[in-house]
C-alpha atoms as a PDB file:
ATOM      1  CA  MET A   1      54.186 170.358 172.295  1.00  0.00           C
ATOM      2  CA  THR A   2      56.396 171.267 175.242  1.00  0.00           C
ATOM      3  CA  VAL A   3      55.607 169.912 178.694  1.00  0.00           C
ATOM      4  CA  ALA A   4      56.930 173.143 180.219  1.00  0.00           C
ATOM      5  CA  GLU A   5      54.106 175.084 178.547  1.00  0.00           C
ATOM      6  CA  ILE A   6      51.503 172.656 179.890  1.00  0.00           C
ATOM      7  CA  HIS A   7      52.819 173.125 183.426  1.00  0.00           C
ATOM      8  CA  GLY A   8      52.938 176.926 183.167  1.00  0.00           C
ATOM      9  CA  LYS A   9      56.741 177.112 183.270  1.00  0.00           C
ATOM     10  CA  ILE A  10      57.095 179.473 180.293  1.00  0.00           C
ATOM     11  CA  ALA A  11      56.123 182.887 181.641  1.00  0.00           C
ATOM     12  CA  SER A  12      54.942 185.616 179.292  1.00  0.00           C
ATOM     13  CA  SER A  13      57.132 188.174 181.073  1.00  0.00           C
ATOM     14  CA  GLY A  14      60.911 188.438 180.762  1.00  0.00           C
ATOM     15  CA  SER A  15      61.527 187.492 184.391  1.00  0.00           C
ATOM     16  CA  ASN A  16      63.501 184.505 185.660  1.00  0.00           C
ATOM     17  CA  ILE A  17      65.018 183.828 182.256  1.00  0.00           C
ATOM     18  CA  SER A  18      67.561 181.268 183.567  1.00  0.00           C
ATOM     19  CA  ASP A  19      64.809 179.293 185.335  1.00  0.00           C
ATOM     20  CA  ARG A  20      62.694 179.281 182.201  1.00  0.00           C
ATOM     21  CA  LEU A  21      65.612 178.098 180.069  1.00  0.00           C
ATOM     22  CA  GLU A  22      66.236 175.232 182.511  1.00  0.00           C
ATOM     23  CA  ASP A  23      62.568 174.277 182.513  1.00  0.00           C
ATOM     24  CA  LEU A  24      62.458 174.388 178.728  1.00  0.00           C
ATOM     25  CA  LEU A  25      65.562 172.199 178.392  1.00  0.00           C
ATOM     26  CA  THR A  26      64.120 169.713 180.903  1.00  0.00           C
ATOM     27  CA  SER A  27      60.854 169.722 179.004  1.00  0.00           C
ATOM     28  CA  ASP A  28      62.493 169.270 175.604  1.00  0.00           C
ATOM     29  CA  VAL A  29      64.749 166.401 176.676  1.00  0.00           C
ATOM     30  CA  PHE A  30      62.622 164.415 179.111  1.00  0.00           C
ATOM     31  CA  GLY A  31      59.423 165.237 177.234  1.00  0.00           C
ATOM     32  CA  THR A  32      61.054 163.588 174.220  1.00  0.00           C
ATOM     33  CA  CYS A  33      62.122 160.608 176.346  1.00  0.00           C
ATOM     34  CA  LYS A  34      58.489 160.140 177.284  1.00  0.00           C
ATOM     35  CA  TYR A  35      57.602 159.464 173.643  1.00  0.00           C
ATOM     36  CA  LEU A  36      60.607 157.256 172.859  1.00  0.00           C
ATOM     37  CA  ARG A  37      61.370 153.710 173.843  1.00  0.00           C
ATOM     38  CA  ASP A  38      63.191 153.857 177.176  1.00  0.00           C
ATOM     39  CA  GLU A  39      66.244 152.019 175.865  1.00  0.00           C
ATOM     40  CA  LEU A  40      66.901 154.656 173.186  1.00  0.00           C
ATOM     41  CA  LEU A  41      67.517 157.703 175.390  1.00  0.00           C
ATOM     42  CA  LEU A  42      66.242 157.604 178.978  1.00  0.00           C
ATOM     43  CA  PHE A  43      67.935 154.453 180.266  1.00  0.00           C
ATOM     44  CA  PRO A  44      71.310 155.069 178.584  1.00  0.00           C
ATOM     45  CA  PHE A  45      71.317 158.638 179.936  1.00  0.00           C
ATOM     46  CA  LEU A  46      70.541 157.530 183.497  1.00  0.00           C
ATOM     47  CA  SER A  47      73.272 154.920 183.172  1.00  0.00           C
ATOM     48  CA  THR A  48      75.922 157.617 182.603  1.00  0.00           C
ATOM     49  CA  ALA A  49      75.446 158.891 186.167  1.00  0.00           C
ATOM     50  CA  ILE A  50      77.898 158.380 189.009  1.00  0.00           C
ATOM     51  CA  SER A  51      77.074 158.346 192.686  1.00  0.00           C
ATOM     52  CA  VAL A  52      78.312 160.947 195.116  1.00  0.00           C
ATOM     53  CA  PRO A  53      80.553 160.522 197.027  1.00  0.00           C
ATOM     54  CA  THR A  54      81.554 156.976 195.967  1.00  0.00           C
ATOM     55  CA  LYS A  55      81.812 157.710 192.206  1.00  0.00           C
ATOM     56  CA  LYS A  56      80.216 154.343 191.425  1.00  0.00           C
ATOM     57  CA  ALA A  57      78.245 154.027 188.197  1.00  0.00           C
ATOM     58  CA  PHE A  58      74.467 153.968 188.416  1.00  0.00           C
ATOM     59  CA  ASP A  59      73.386 150.323 188.328  1.00  0.00           C
ATOM     60  CA  LEU A  60      69.929 150.196 189.924  1.00  0.00           C
ATOM     61  CA  LEU A  61      67.871 149.876 186.730  1.00  0.00           C
ATOM     62  CA  PRO A  62      65.655 146.783 186.999  1.00  0.00           C
ATOM     63  CA  LEU A  63      66.060 144.518 183.978  1.00  0.00           C
ATOM     64  CA  ASP A  64      62.346 143.807 183.685  1.00  0.00           C
ATOM     65  CA  ILE A  65      60.841 147.299 183.642  1.00  0.00           C
ATOM     66  CA  SER A  66      57.322 147.181 182.268  1.00  0.00           C
ATOM     67  CA  ILE A  67      56.103 150.747 182.829  1.00  0.00           C
ATOM     68  CA  SER A  68      57.833 154.112 183.108  1.00  0.00           C
ATOM     69  CA  GLU A  69      55.638 156.877 184.535  1.00  0.00           C
ATOM     70  CA  TYR A  70      56.492 160.581 184.413  1.00  0.00           C
ATOM     71  CA  SER A  71      55.412 163.391 186.716  1.00  0.00           C
ATOM     72  CA  PHE A  72      56.821 166.801 185.759  1.00  0.00           C
ATOM     73  CA  TRP A  73      57.272 169.439 188.483  1.00  0.00           C
ATOM     74  CA  PRO A  74      55.250 167.666 191.203  1.00  0.00           C
ATOM     75  CA  ARG A  75      54.515 169.799 194.252  1.00  0.00           C
ATOM     76  CA  LEU A  76      55.817 167.915 197.277  1.00  0.00           C
ATOM     77  CA  SER A  77      55.942 168.936 200.932  1.00  0.00           C
ATOM     78  CA  ARG A  78      59.249 170.830 200.765  1.00  0.00           C
ATOM     79  CA  SER A  79      60.196 171.069 197.104  1.00  0.00           C
ATOM     80  CA  GLU A  80      59.171 170.976 193.473  1.00  0.00           C
ATOM     81  CA  PRO A  81      61.677 168.767 191.617  1.00  0.00           C
ATOM     82  CA  ASP A  82      61.784 168.916 187.842  1.00  0.00           C
ATOM     83  CA  LEU A  83      60.725 165.325 187.363  1.00  0.00           C
ATOM     84  CA  LEU A  84      59.694 162.189 189.206  1.00  0.00           C
ATOM     85  CA  LEU A  85      60.055 158.873 187.419  1.00  0.00           C
ATOM     86  CA  HIS A  86      58.450 155.652 188.517  1.00  0.00           C
ATOM     87  CA  LEU A  87      60.122 152.677 186.854  1.00  0.00           C
ATOM     88  CA  GLN A  88      57.890 149.715 187.561  1.00  0.00           C
ATOM     89  CA  SER A  89      59.281 146.216 187.192  1.00  0.00           C
ATOM     90  CA  GLU A  90      57.465 142.920 186.833  1.00  0.00           C
ATOM     91  CA  SER A  91      59.415 141.567 189.806  1.00  0.00           C
ATOM     92  CA  ASP A  92      58.211 144.443 192.036  1.00  0.00           C
ATOM     93  CA  ASN A  93      61.737 145.827 192.181  1.00  0.00           C
ATOM     94  CA  ASP A  94      60.436 149.346 191.531  1.00  0.00           C
ATOM     95  CA  LEU A  95      62.603 152.442 191.295  1.00  0.00           C
ATOM     96  CA  LEU A  96      61.619 156.009 192.170  1.00  0.00           C
ATOM     97  CA  VAL A  97      63.888 158.559 190.498  1.00  0.00           C
ATOM     98  CA  MET A  98      63.778 162.248 191.392  1.00  0.00           C
ATOM     99  CA  ILE A  99      65.510 164.510 188.869  1.00  0.00           C
ATOM    100  CA  GLU A 100      66.727 168.053 189.480  1.00  0.00           C
ATOM    101  CA  ALA A 101      68.093 169.599 186.287  1.00  0.00           C
ATOM    102  CA  LYS A 102      70.191 172.752 185.985  1.00  0.00           C
ATOM    103  CA  TYR A 103      71.483 174.606 182.950  1.00  0.00           C
ATOM    104  CA  LEU A 104      72.730 178.154 183.555  1.00  0.00           C
ATOM    105  CA  SER A 105      72.405 178.260 187.320  1.00  0.00           C
ATOM    106  CA  GLY A 106      73.211 176.185 190.379  1.00  0.00           C
ATOM    107  CA  LYS A 107      70.981 174.851 193.110  1.00  0.00           C
ATOM    108  CA  SER A 108      68.849 177.299 195.054  1.00  0.00           C
ATOM    109  CA  GLY A 109      68.844 177.847 198.791  1.00  0.00           C
ATOM    110  CA  LYS A 110      71.994 178.672 200.704  1.00  0.00           C
ATOM    111  CA  ALA A 111      73.310 175.774 202.753  1.00  0.00           C
ATOM    112  CA  TYR A 112      73.593 176.212 206.524  1.00  0.00           C
ATOM    113  CA  SER A 113      76.934 176.884 208.152  1.00  0.00           C
ATOM    114  CA  ASP A 114      78.222 174.292 210.627  1.00  0.00           C
ATOM    115  CA  ASP A 115      77.043 176.461 213.525  1.00  0.00           C
ATOM    116  CA  GLU A 116      73.574 176.933 212.029  1.00  0.00           C
ATOM    117  CA  LEU A 117      73.219 173.177 211.467  1.00  0.00           C
ATOM    118  CA  THR A 118      73.419 172.516 215.204  1.00  0.00           C
ATOM    119  CA  THR A 119      70.004 174.151 215.721  1.00  0.00           C
ATOM    120  CA  ALA A 120      68.339 173.808 212.284  1.00  0.00           C
ATOM    121  CA  ASN A 121      65.300 171.531 212.037  1.00  0.00           C
ATOM    122  CA  THR A 122      64.353 172.055 208.385  1.00  0.00           C
ATOM    123  CA  SER A 123      66.496 171.942 205.265  1.00  0.00           C
ATOM    124  CA  ARG A 124      67.339 175.126 203.373  1.00  0.00           C
ATOM    125  CA  ASP A 125      69.535 173.695 200.611  1.00  0.00           C
ATOM    126  CA  GLN A 126      67.435 172.769 197.551  1.00  0.00           C
ATOM    127  CA  LEU A 127      68.905 169.297 197.116  1.00  0.00           C
ATOM    128  CA  ALA A 128      68.646 168.582 200.847  1.00  0.00           C
ATOM    129  CA  ARG A 129      64.946 169.475 200.773  1.00  0.00           C
ATOM    130  CA  GLN A 130      64.474 167.169 197.820  1.00  0.00           C
ATOM    131  CA  LEU A 131      66.246 164.354 199.648  1.00  0.00           C
ATOM    132  CA  GLU A 132      63.807 164.816 202.525  1.00  0.00           C
ATOM    133  CA  ASP A 133      60.823 164.661 200.189  1.00  0.00           C
ATOM    134  CA  LEU A 134      62.258 161.631 198.443  1.00  0.00           C
ATOM    135  CA  CYS A 135      62.822 159.914 201.779  1.00  0.00           C
ATOM    136  CA  ASP A 136      59.236 160.611 202.868  1.00  0.00           C
ATOM    137  CA  PHE A 137      57.585 159.878 199.516  1.00  0.00           C
ATOM    138  CA  SER A 138      54.785 157.327 199.638  1.00  0.00           C
ATOM    139  CA  ALA A 139      51.569 156.444 197.840  1.00  0.00           C
ATOM    140  CA  ARG A 140      49.753 159.094 199.854  1.00  0.00           C
ATOM    141  CA  GLU A 141      51.427 161.717 197.642  1.00  0.00           C
ATOM    142  CA  ASN A 142      48.784 160.669 195.088  1.00  0.00           C
ATOM    143  CA  ILE A 143      51.267 160.767 192.211  1.00  0.00           C
ATOM    144  CA  PHE A 144      52.207 157.126 191.696  1.00  0.00           C
ATOM    145  CA  LYS A 145      50.793 153.926 193.115  1.00  0.00           C
ATOM    146  CA  ILE A 146      54.067 152.719 194.516  1.00  0.00           C
ATOM    147  CA  ASP A 147      55.130 150.719 197.556  1.00  0.00           C
ATOM    148  CA  LYS A 148      58.628 150.706 199.079  1.00  0.00           C
ATOM    149  CA  PRO A 149      60.644 151.437 195.954  1.00  0.00           C
ATOM    150  CA  HIS A 150      64.379 151.993 195.683  1.00  0.00           C
ATOM    151  CA  ARG A 151      64.848 155.774 195.763  1.00  0.00           C
ATOM    152  CA  CYS A 152      67.493 157.972 194.205  1.00  0.00           C
ATOM    153  CA  LEU A 153      68.071 161.603 193.373  1.00  0.00           C
ATOM    154  CA  PHE A 154      69.630 162.588 190.054  1.00  0.00           C
ATOM    155  CA  TYR A 155      71.307 165.965 189.712  1.00  0.00           C
ATOM    156  CA  VAL A 156      71.749 166.897 186.043  1.00  0.00           C
ATOM    157  CA  THR A 157      73.928 169.898 185.190  1.00  0.00           C
ATOM    158  CA  ALA A 158      75.948 171.339 182.324  1.00  0.00           C
ATOM    159  CA  HIS A 159      79.231 170.786 184.185  1.00  0.00           C
ATOM    160  CA  ARG A 160      81.973 168.772 182.510  1.00  0.00           C
ATOM    161  CA  HIS A 161      83.048 167.482 185.932  1.00  0.00           C
ATOM    162  CA  CYS A 162      80.938 166.494 188.908  1.00  0.00           C
ATOM    163  CA  PRO A 163      80.128 169.422 191.263  1.00  0.00           C
ATOM    164  CA  SER A 164      80.856 167.186 194.247  1.00  0.00           C
ATOM    165  CA  ASP A 165      81.182 169.969 196.832  1.00  0.00           C
ATOM    166  CA  SER A 166      77.691 171.263 196.082  1.00  0.00           C
ATOM    167  CA  ILE A 167      76.167 167.781 196.369  1.00  0.00           C
ATOM    168  CA  LEU A 168      78.091 166.794 199.515  1.00  0.00           C
ATOM    169  CA  GLU A 169      76.937 170.036 201.119  1.00  0.00           C
ATOM    170  CA  ALA A 170      73.325 168.937 200.615  1.00  0.00           C
ATOM    171  CA  ILE A 171      73.959 165.398 201.853  1.00  0.00           C
ATOM    172  CA  ASN A 172      75.627 166.756 204.990  1.00  0.00           C
ATOM    173  CA  GLU A 173      72.670 169.035 205.680  1.00  0.00           C
ATOM    174  CA  PHE A 174      70.215 166.151 205.199  1.00  0.00           C
ATOM    175  CA  GLU A 175      72.187 163.889 207.550  1.00  0.00           C
ATOM    176  CA  CYS A 176      72.375 166.551 210.262  1.00  0.00           C
ATOM    177  CA  ILE A 177      68.652 167.302 210.150  1.00  0.00           C
ATOM    178  CA  ARG A 178      67.373 163.765 209.565  1.00  0.00           C
ATOM    179  CA  GLN A 179      69.812 161.944 211.805  1.00  0.00           C
ATOM    180  CA  THR A 180      68.023 158.600 211.821  1.00  0.00           C
ATOM    181  CA  ALA A 181      67.110 158.514 208.126  1.00  0.00           C
ATOM    182  CA  ILE A 182      69.055 156.620 205.474  1.00  0.00           C
ATOM    183  CA  VAL A 183      70.277 158.964 202.755  1.00  0.00           C
ATOM    184  CA  PRO A 184      68.794 158.049 199.365  1.00  0.00           C
ATOM    185  CA  ASN A 185      71.394 157.417 196.675  1.00  0.00           C
ATOM    186  CA  VAL A 186      72.506 160.645 194.994  1.00  0.00           C
ATOM    187  CA  TYR A 187      73.786 160.598 191.414  1.00  0.00           C
ATOM    188  CA  TRP A 188      75.138 163.197 189.034  1.00  0.00           C
ATOM    189  CA  THR A 189      75.367 163.321 185.276  1.00  0.00           C
ATOM    190  CA  SER A 190      75.868 166.007 182.653  1.00  0.00           C
ATOM    191  CA  TRP A 191      73.708 167.147 179.766  1.00  0.00           C
ATOM    192  CA  VAL A 192      76.882 166.885 177.704  1.00  0.00           C
ATOM    193  CA  LYS A 193      76.731 163.085 177.833  1.00  0.00           C
ATOM    194  CA  LEU A 194      73.355 162.993 176.137  1.00  0.00           C
ATOM    195  CA  TYR A 195      74.497 163.968 172.644  1.00  0.00           C
ATOM    196  CA  ASP A 196      76.586 160.848 172.042  1.00  0.00           C
ATOM    197  CA  ILE A 197      73.736 158.670 173.314  1.00  0.00           C
ATOM    198  CA  ALA A 198      71.247 160.223 170.894  1.00  0.00           C
ATOM    199  CA  LEU A 199      73.782 159.951 168.073  1.00  0.00           C
ATOM    200  CA  SER A 200      74.393 156.287 168.860  1.00  0.00           C
ATOM    201  CA  SER A 201      70.661 155.532 168.913  1.00  0.00           C
ATOM    202  CA  LEU A 202      70.315 157.164 165.502  1.00  0.00           C
ATOM    203  CA  ARG A 203      72.560 154.394 164.154  1.00  0.00           C
ATOM    204  CA  GLU A 204      70.163 151.725 165.440  1.00  0.00           C
ATOM    205  CA  LYS A 205      67.276 150.225 163.537  1.00  0.00           C
ATOM    206  CA  ILE A 206      64.565 152.724 164.449  1.00  0.00           C
ATOM    207  CA  ASN A 207      61.403 154.051 162.856  1.00  0.00           C
ATOM    208  CA  LEU A 208      60.982 157.441 161.213  1.00  0.00           C
ATOM    209  CA  ARG A 209      59.281 159.039 164.233  1.00  0.00           C
ATOM    210  CA  GLU A 210      62.061 157.950 166.568  1.00  0.00           C
ATOM    211  CA  ARG A 211      64.667 159.165 164.086  1.00  0.00           C
ATOM    212  CA  ALA A 212      63.022 162.586 163.893  1.00  0.00           C
ATOM    213  CA  LEU A 213      62.853 162.953 167.688  1.00  0.00           C
ATOM    214  CA  LEU A 214      66.461 161.888 168.214  1.00  0.00           C
ATOM    215  CA  SER A 215      67.663 164.175 165.421  1.00  0.00           C
ATOM    216  CA  ASP A 216      65.909 167.113 167.060  1.00  0.00           C
ATOM    217  CA  ILE A 217      67.571 166.318 170.404  1.00  0.00           C
ATOM    218  CA  CYS A 218      70.990 166.323 168.699  1.00  0.00           C
ATOM    219  CA  LEU A 219      70.274 169.668 167.046  1.00  0.00           C
ATOM    220  CA  LEU A 220      69.070 171.158 170.338  1.00  0.00           C
ATOM    221  CA  LEU A 221      72.149 170.045 172.277  1.00  0.00           C
ATOM    222  CA  LYS A 222      74.505 171.339 169.591  1.00  0.00           C
ATOM    223  CA  ARG A 223      72.706 174.679 169.537  1.00  0.00           C
ATOM    224  CA  LYS A 224      73.105 175.005 173.311  1.00  0.00           C
ATOM    225  CA  GLY A 225      76.747 173.946 173.200  1.00  0.00           C
ATOM    226  CA  LEU A 226      76.025 170.843 175.285  1.00  0.00           C
ATOM    227  CA  VAL A 227      78.384 168.566 173.377  1.00  0.00           C
ATOM    228  CA  LYS A 228      81.809 167.176 174.158  1.00  0.00           C
ATOM    229  CA  PHE A 229      84.820 169.043 172.837  1.00  0.00           C
ATOM    230  CA  SER A 230      86.181 166.935 169.982  1.00  0.00           C
ATOM    231  CA  GLY A 231      89.293 168.947 169.168  1.00  0.00           C
ATOM    232  CA  PHE A 232      89.957 171.611 166.625  1.00  0.00           C
ATOM    233  CA  ALA A 233      89.138 170.969 163.013  1.00  0.00           C
ATOM    234  CA  SER A 234      92.180 170.257 160.883  1.00  0.00           C
ATOM    235  CA  ILE A 235      93.721 173.435 159.538  1.00  0.00           C
ATOM    236  CA  THR A 236      94.643 173.519 155.876  1.00  0.00           C
ATOM    237  CA  SER A 237      98.071 175.019 155.321  1.00  0.00           C
ATOM    238  CA  VAL A 238      97.930 178.381 153.638  1.00  0.00           C
ATOM    239  CA  SER A 239     100.707 179.930 151.569  1.00  0.00           C
ATOM    240  CA  PHE A 240     101.202 183.554 152.408  1.00  0.00           C
ATOM    241  CA  LEU A 241     102.330 185.917 149.664  1.00  0.00           C
ATOM    242  CA  ARG A 242     105.314 187.950 150.771  1.00  0.00           C
ATOM    243  CA  THR A 243     104.802 191.609 150.069  1.00  0.00           C
ATOM    244  CA  HIS A 244     107.573 194.079 149.393  1.00  0.00           C
ATOM    245  CA  THR A 245     109.065 195.548 152.534  1.00  0.00           C
ATOM    246  CA  LEU A 246     108.088 199.148 153.057  1.00  0.00           C
ATOM    247  CA  THR A 247     111.332 201.105 152.738  1.00  0.00           C
ATOM    248  CA  SER A 248     110.124 204.610 153.220  1.00  0.00           C
ATOM    249  CA  VAL A 249     107.743 206.318 155.557  1.00  0.00           C
ATOM    250  CA  THR A 250     105.839 209.430 154.738  1.00  0.00           C
ATOM    251  CA  SER A 251     106.768 212.199 157.193  1.00  0.00           C
ATOM    252  CA  TRP A 252     104.138 214.497 158.574  1.00  0.00           C
END
C-alpha cells in the first residue's frame, strides 16, 4: 500500500508527472519508515541533516522518544508540506518536524526581490510559507495533541551538496515578513544518504519483515539512481589482436 494513493496524490491523468514522482518517493520512503522501528531508518536519516546556514549536524532528537506520529500532506494555513512528524518524548521534550521533499524539481513559488520584500506581507516562497505555518502551528490545527514543541523544517532533495542559496532565500523572506518571530531551525539532507543507512540496518539483527522492507528501499533507491558514486568498477585488461595493416585502397 502506498500512502500517496490514500491521499489522492497519484492522479490518473499524465499531468504534473514530477510532482507525482516526488509524492510517490516520499510515500515509499516515509511510508516504510512508519512501519519500521524508528532507529532502523527514520532517526538515522534525520541525523544526517545539517542546519542552514550554520552547517551544524542535527542533534535535537530526544533520547526518550515514546511515540512517533505521522501526518502526510496536512493542509495548513499557507502550505501543504509532505509530512509532519510528532516525536513525543517521556520527558515532554517533544519535537515537531516538518518535511518538504523534492526529487526532480525545486521548491515552488518565486522568492520576492529585495524591493518587493519592503512591502510584502505574506510569503510567496514555498519554504518561507512552510516556516510561517511551522511557527504558528499549535494544537488547534487538530493534527497532533502537542504543546510548545521544538520545531524544525527538513528540506530533503536529490542534491549531492546542500542548496544553501535556495534555503537562505526562504529564511530571508520569512525574517522580513515575520520580523518579530524566531526562525525555526532549518535542516537539509539528501535522499542519497538513505541508501547506506538502509544497507547498514540490513546488517543488524532484524526480523524478516524488517529485512524485506529495508531491502525494498535499497532496490528503490538504486533504481532511481539515489546512491553515492562509489567509483568505476575495476576494468579487466584486454589483449587486442593486431590486424594486418591495410596496404591498398580500392579506387572508385
